[in-house]
Amino acid sequence: MALSAAVFALRVGGLVAGQAPLRPEWERALQFAPLAALSALIVVTLAGRAHGRWEGVIAGVGAAVVARRSGRMWACILSGMAVYWLLRRL
C-alpha cells in the first residue's frame, strides 16, 4: 500500500512540476536515466541465467557490436532479439 502511494505521489509530482526548470547538473544526469535502466534490465536478465544457457550472452554481445558500429538503438535491439531467437530455435 505504501509503495503504491509513493509511486502515485511521484507521478502527480511529475505532472505538477513538469514545466519547472531544472538545474543543469540535473539535466545532464537525467540524460543517462534511460541508458541506466536498460543496462540494469540487461544485467539482471543475463545474471539470472545460471543453467548454462548462453543465448542471452551471445545475443547481448552481438547487439553491442551492432550498436557500436551503427550507433542506432533500434538496430541494436532488433539484432539482439534476432540473434537470441535464432539461437533459441537451434
N, C-alpha and C. Protein backbone atom coordinates (compact mmCIF):
# COMPACT_ATOMS: atom_id res chain seq x y z
N MET A 1 0.83 -1.19 0.00
CA MET A 1 0.00 0.00 0.00
C MET A 1 0.87 1.26 0.00
N ALA A 2 1.91 1.26 0.83
CA ALA A 2 2.78 2.43 0.92
C ALA A 2 3.55 2.63 -0.38
N LEU A 3 3.94 1.53 -1.02
CA LEU A 3 4.67 1.65 -2.27
C LEU A 3 3.79 2.24 -3.37
N SER A 4 2.55 1.82 -3.42
CA SER A 4 1.65 2.38 -4.44
C SER A 4 1.37 3.86 -4.16
N ALA A 5 1.28 4.25 -2.91
CA ALA A 5 1.10 5.66 -2.58
C ALA A 5 2.33 6.48 -2.97
N ALA A 6 3.52 5.91 -2.78
CA ALA A 6 4.75 6.62 -3.15
C ALA A 6 4.84 6.78 -4.67
N VAL A 7 4.49 5.73 -5.41
CA VAL A 7 4.51 5.83 -6.87
C VAL A 7 3.50 6.86 -7.34
N PHE A 8 2.32 6.85 -6.76
CA PHE A 8 1.30 7.83 -7.11
C PHE A 8 1.79 9.25 -6.84
N ALA A 9 2.42 9.45 -5.69
CA ALA A 9 2.94 10.78 -5.35
C ALA A 9 4.02 11.22 -6.33
N LEU A 10 4.87 10.30 -6.74
CA LEU A 10 5.90 10.65 -7.73
C LEU A 10 5.28 11.04 -9.06
N ARG A 11 4.27 10.31 -9.48
CA ARG A 11 3.63 10.63 -10.76
C ARG A 11 2.90 11.98 -10.71
N VAL A 12 2.18 12.22 -9.64
CA VAL A 12 1.48 13.51 -9.50
C VAL A 12 2.50 14.64 -9.41
N GLY A 13 3.58 14.41 -8.67
CA GLY A 13 4.63 15.43 -8.57
C GLY A 13 5.25 15.74 -9.92
N GLY A 14 5.43 14.71 -10.75
CA GLY A 14 5.96 14.93 -12.09
C GLY A 14 5.00 15.72 -12.97
N LEU A 15 3.71 15.49 -12.80
CA LEU A 15 2.73 16.25 -13.58
C LEU A 15 2.64 17.70 -13.11
N VAL A 16 2.69 17.90 -11.82
CA VAL A 16 2.57 19.25 -11.27
C VAL A 16 3.81 20.07 -11.58
N ALA A 17 4.97 19.48 -11.39
CA ALA A 17 6.23 20.21 -11.57
C ALA A 17 6.86 19.94 -12.94
N GLY A 18 6.05 19.52 -13.90
CA GLY A 18 6.57 19.14 -15.21
C GLY A 18 7.24 20.27 -15.98
N GLN A 19 6.81 21.49 -15.78
CA GLN A 19 7.35 22.62 -16.51
C GLN A 19 8.38 23.42 -15.71
N ALA A 20 8.67 22.98 -14.52
CA ALA A 20 9.64 23.69 -13.69
C ALA A 20 11.05 23.50 -14.25
N PRO A 21 11.83 24.56 -14.27
CA PRO A 21 13.20 24.43 -14.81
C PRO A 21 14.08 23.62 -13.85
N LEU A 22 14.99 22.84 -14.44
CA LEU A 22 15.94 22.05 -13.66
C LEU A 22 17.33 22.67 -13.73
N ARG A 23 18.10 22.42 -12.71
CA ARG A 23 19.48 22.89 -12.75
C ARG A 23 20.24 22.10 -13.80
N PRO A 24 21.26 22.68 -14.42
CA PRO A 24 22.00 21.99 -15.49
C PRO A 24 22.61 20.65 -15.06
N GLU A 25 23.01 20.54 -13.79
CA GLU A 25 23.57 19.27 -13.31
C GLU A 25 22.53 18.16 -13.37
N TRP A 26 21.29 18.50 -12.98
CA TRP A 26 20.22 17.51 -13.02
C TRP A 26 19.85 17.15 -14.45
N GLU A 27 19.82 18.15 -15.33
CA GLU A 27 19.53 17.88 -16.74
C GLU A 27 20.53 16.90 -17.31
N ARG A 28 21.80 17.14 -17.04
CA ARG A 28 22.87 16.27 -17.55
C ARG A 28 22.76 14.87 -16.96
N ALA A 29 22.48 14.78 -15.67
CA ALA A 29 22.37 13.47 -15.02
C ALA A 29 21.17 12.68 -15.53
N LEU A 30 20.05 13.36 -15.75
CA LEU A 30 18.84 12.67 -16.19
C LEU A 30 18.93 12.19 -17.63
N GLN A 31 19.88 12.69 -18.41
CA GLN A 31 20.06 12.20 -19.77
C GLN A 31 20.50 10.74 -19.78
N PHE A 32 21.11 10.29 -18.69
CA PHE A 32 21.61 8.92 -18.63
C PHE A 32 20.63 7.95 -17.99
N ALA A 33 19.47 8.40 -17.57
CA ALA A 33 18.50 7.54 -16.91
C ALA A 33 18.00 6.41 -17.81
N PRO A 34 17.63 6.65 -19.07
CA PRO A 34 17.18 5.53 -19.91
C PRO A 34 18.27 4.49 -20.13
N LEU A 35 19.48 4.93 -20.35
CA LEU A 35 20.59 4.01 -20.55
C LEU A 35 20.86 3.19 -19.29
N ALA A 36 20.78 3.82 -18.14
CA ALA A 36 21.00 3.11 -16.88
C ALA A 36 19.90 2.08 -16.64
N ALA A 37 18.65 2.43 -16.94
CA ALA A 37 17.55 1.49 -16.75
C ALA A 37 17.68 0.30 -17.69
N LEU A 38 18.02 0.55 -18.95
CA LEU A 38 18.19 -0.54 -19.91
C LEU A 38 19.36 -1.43 -19.51
N SER A 39 20.45 -0.84 -19.07
CA SER A 39 21.60 -1.63 -18.63
C SER A 39 21.25 -2.49 -17.43
N ALA A 40 20.50 -1.95 -16.50
CA ALA A 40 20.10 -2.72 -15.32
C ALA A 40 19.22 -3.90 -15.72
N LEU A 41 18.30 -3.70 -16.64
CA LEU A 41 17.46 -4.80 -17.10
C LEU A 41 18.28 -5.89 -17.77
N ILE A 42 19.24 -5.49 -18.58
CA ILE A 42 20.08 -6.47 -19.29
C ILE A 42 20.92 -7.26 -18.31
N VAL A 43 21.56 -6.59 -17.36
CA VAL A 43 22.43 -7.27 -16.40
C VAL A 43 21.63 -8.23 -15.54
N VAL A 44 20.46 -7.81 -15.08
CA VAL A 44 19.63 -8.69 -14.25
C VAL A 44 19.18 -9.90 -15.06
N THR A 45 18.82 -9.70 -16.30
CA THR A 45 18.38 -10.81 -17.15
C THR A 45 19.51 -11.79 -17.40
N LEU A 46 20.67 -11.30 -17.74
CA LEU A 46 21.80 -12.18 -18.03
C LEU A 46 22.33 -12.85 -16.78
N ALA A 47 22.35 -12.17 -15.67
CA ALA A 47 22.87 -12.74 -14.43
C ALA A 47 21.92 -13.79 -13.87
N GLY A 48 20.66 -13.73 -14.20
CA GLY A 48 19.70 -14.68 -13.67
C GLY A 48 19.74 -16.04 -14.34
N ARG A 49 20.49 -16.17 -15.41
CA ARG A 49 20.56 -17.45 -16.12
C ARG A 49 21.75 -18.25 -15.62
N ALA A 50 21.50 -19.17 -14.72
CA ALA A 50 22.58 -20.00 -14.18
C ALA A 50 22.51 -21.43 -14.69
N HIS A 51 21.71 -21.69 -15.70
CA HIS A 51 21.51 -23.05 -16.18
C HIS A 51 22.38 -23.38 -17.39
N GLY A 52 23.42 -22.62 -17.63
CA GLY A 52 24.30 -22.91 -18.75
C GLY A 52 23.79 -22.43 -20.09
N ARG A 53 22.78 -21.59 -20.10
CA ARG A 53 22.25 -21.06 -21.37
C ARG A 53 23.03 -19.82 -21.75
N TRP A 54 23.63 -19.85 -22.90
CA TRP A 54 24.47 -18.75 -23.36
C TRP A 54 23.81 -17.93 -24.47
N GLU A 55 22.56 -18.21 -24.79
CA GLU A 55 21.90 -17.47 -25.87
C GLU A 55 21.85 -15.98 -25.58
N GLY A 56 21.49 -15.65 -24.35
CA GLY A 56 21.38 -14.24 -23.99
C GLY A 56 22.71 -13.51 -24.02
N VAL A 57 23.76 -14.18 -23.59
CA VAL A 57 25.08 -13.55 -23.60
C VAL A 57 25.56 -13.32 -25.02
N ILE A 58 25.39 -14.32 -25.88
CA ILE A 58 25.80 -14.19 -27.28
C ILE A 58 24.98 -13.11 -27.98
N ALA A 59 23.67 -13.09 -27.72
CA ALA A 59 22.82 -12.06 -28.31
C ALA A 59 23.21 -10.68 -27.81
N GLY A 60 23.55 -10.57 -26.54
CA GLY A 60 23.99 -9.28 -25.99
C GLY A 60 25.28 -8.79 -26.61
N VAL A 61 26.22 -9.70 -26.82
CA VAL A 61 27.47 -9.31 -27.47
C VAL A 61 27.22 -8.89 -28.91
N GLY A 62 26.37 -9.65 -29.61
CA GLY A 62 26.04 -9.27 -30.99
C GLY A 62 25.35 -7.92 -31.07
N ALA A 63 24.43 -7.68 -30.16
CA ALA A 63 23.74 -6.39 -30.13
C ALA A 63 24.70 -5.26 -29.80
N ALA A 64 25.66 -5.51 -28.91
CA ALA A 64 26.64 -4.48 -28.57
C ALA A 64 27.51 -4.14 -29.77
N VAL A 65 27.87 -5.15 -30.55
CA VAL A 65 28.68 -4.90 -31.76
C VAL A 65 27.89 -4.05 -32.75
N VAL A 66 26.63 -4.41 -32.95
CA VAL A 66 25.79 -3.64 -33.87
C VAL A 66 25.61 -2.21 -33.37
N ALA A 67 25.40 -2.05 -32.07
CA ALA A 67 25.22 -0.70 -31.50
C ALA A 67 26.48 0.13 -31.68
N ARG A 68 27.62 -0.48 -31.48
CA ARG A 68 28.90 0.24 -31.61
C ARG A 68 29.15 0.67 -33.05
N ARG A 69 28.83 -0.22 -33.99
CA ARG A 69 29.10 0.09 -35.40
C ARG A 69 28.06 1.02 -36.02
N SER A 70 26.79 0.83 -35.65
CA SER A 70 25.75 1.63 -36.30
C SER A 70 25.40 2.88 -35.51
N GLY A 71 25.47 2.80 -34.18
CA GLY A 71 25.09 3.93 -33.35
C GLY A 71 23.58 4.13 -33.26
N ARG A 72 22.82 3.14 -33.68
CA ARG A 72 21.36 3.25 -33.67
C ARG A 72 20.77 2.23 -32.69
N MET A 73 19.95 2.73 -31.78
CA MET A 73 19.38 1.87 -30.75
C MET A 73 18.43 0.83 -31.35
N TRP A 74 17.63 1.22 -32.34
CA TRP A 74 16.69 0.27 -32.91
C TRP A 74 17.42 -0.88 -33.58
N ALA A 75 18.56 -0.63 -34.22
CA ALA A 75 19.33 -1.71 -34.84
C ALA A 75 19.91 -2.63 -33.78
N CYS A 76 20.33 -2.06 -32.68
CA CYS A 76 20.86 -2.85 -31.56
C CYS A 76 19.79 -3.78 -31.01
N ILE A 77 18.61 -3.27 -30.77
CA ILE A 77 17.53 -4.07 -30.20
C ILE A 77 17.09 -5.16 -31.16
N LEU A 78 16.88 -4.80 -32.42
CA LEU A 78 16.43 -5.80 -33.40
C LEU A 78 17.46 -6.89 -33.62
N SER A 79 18.73 -6.52 -33.71
CA SER A 79 19.75 -7.55 -33.94
C SER A 79 19.89 -8.46 -32.73
N GLY A 80 19.85 -7.90 -31.53
CA GLY A 80 19.92 -8.72 -30.33
C GLY A 80 18.76 -9.69 -30.23
N MET A 81 17.56 -9.21 -30.53
CA MET A 81 16.39 -10.09 -30.49
C MET A 81 16.48 -11.17 -31.55
N ALA A 82 16.92 -10.81 -32.75
CA ALA A 82 17.03 -11.79 -33.83
C ALA A 82 18.04 -12.88 -33.49
N VAL A 83 19.20 -12.50 -32.98
CA VAL A 83 20.22 -13.49 -32.61
C VAL A 83 19.70 -14.38 -31.49
N TYR A 84 19.05 -13.80 -30.51
CA TYR A 84 18.53 -14.58 -29.40
C TYR A 84 17.49 -15.59 -29.88
N TRP A 85 16.56 -15.14 -30.71
CA TRP A 85 15.51 -16.05 -31.19
C TRP A 85 16.10 -17.15 -32.08
N LEU A 86 17.06 -16.81 -32.91
CA LEU A 86 17.71 -17.82 -33.74
C LEU A 86 18.42 -18.88 -32.90
N LEU A 87 19.15 -18.43 -31.88
CA LEU A 87 19.85 -19.38 -31.03
C LEU A 87 18.88 -20.25 -30.21
N ARG A 88 17.75 -19.72 -29.84
CA ARG A 88 16.76 -20.50 -29.10
C ARG A 88 16.11 -21.57 -29.98
N ARG A 89 16.03 -21.27 -31.29
CA ARG A 89 15.42 -22.23 -32.22
C ARG A 89 16.35 -23.39 -32.54
N LEU A 90 17.64 -23.20 -32.38
CA LEU A 90 18.62 -24.24 -32.72
C LEU A 90 18.67 -25.34 -31.70
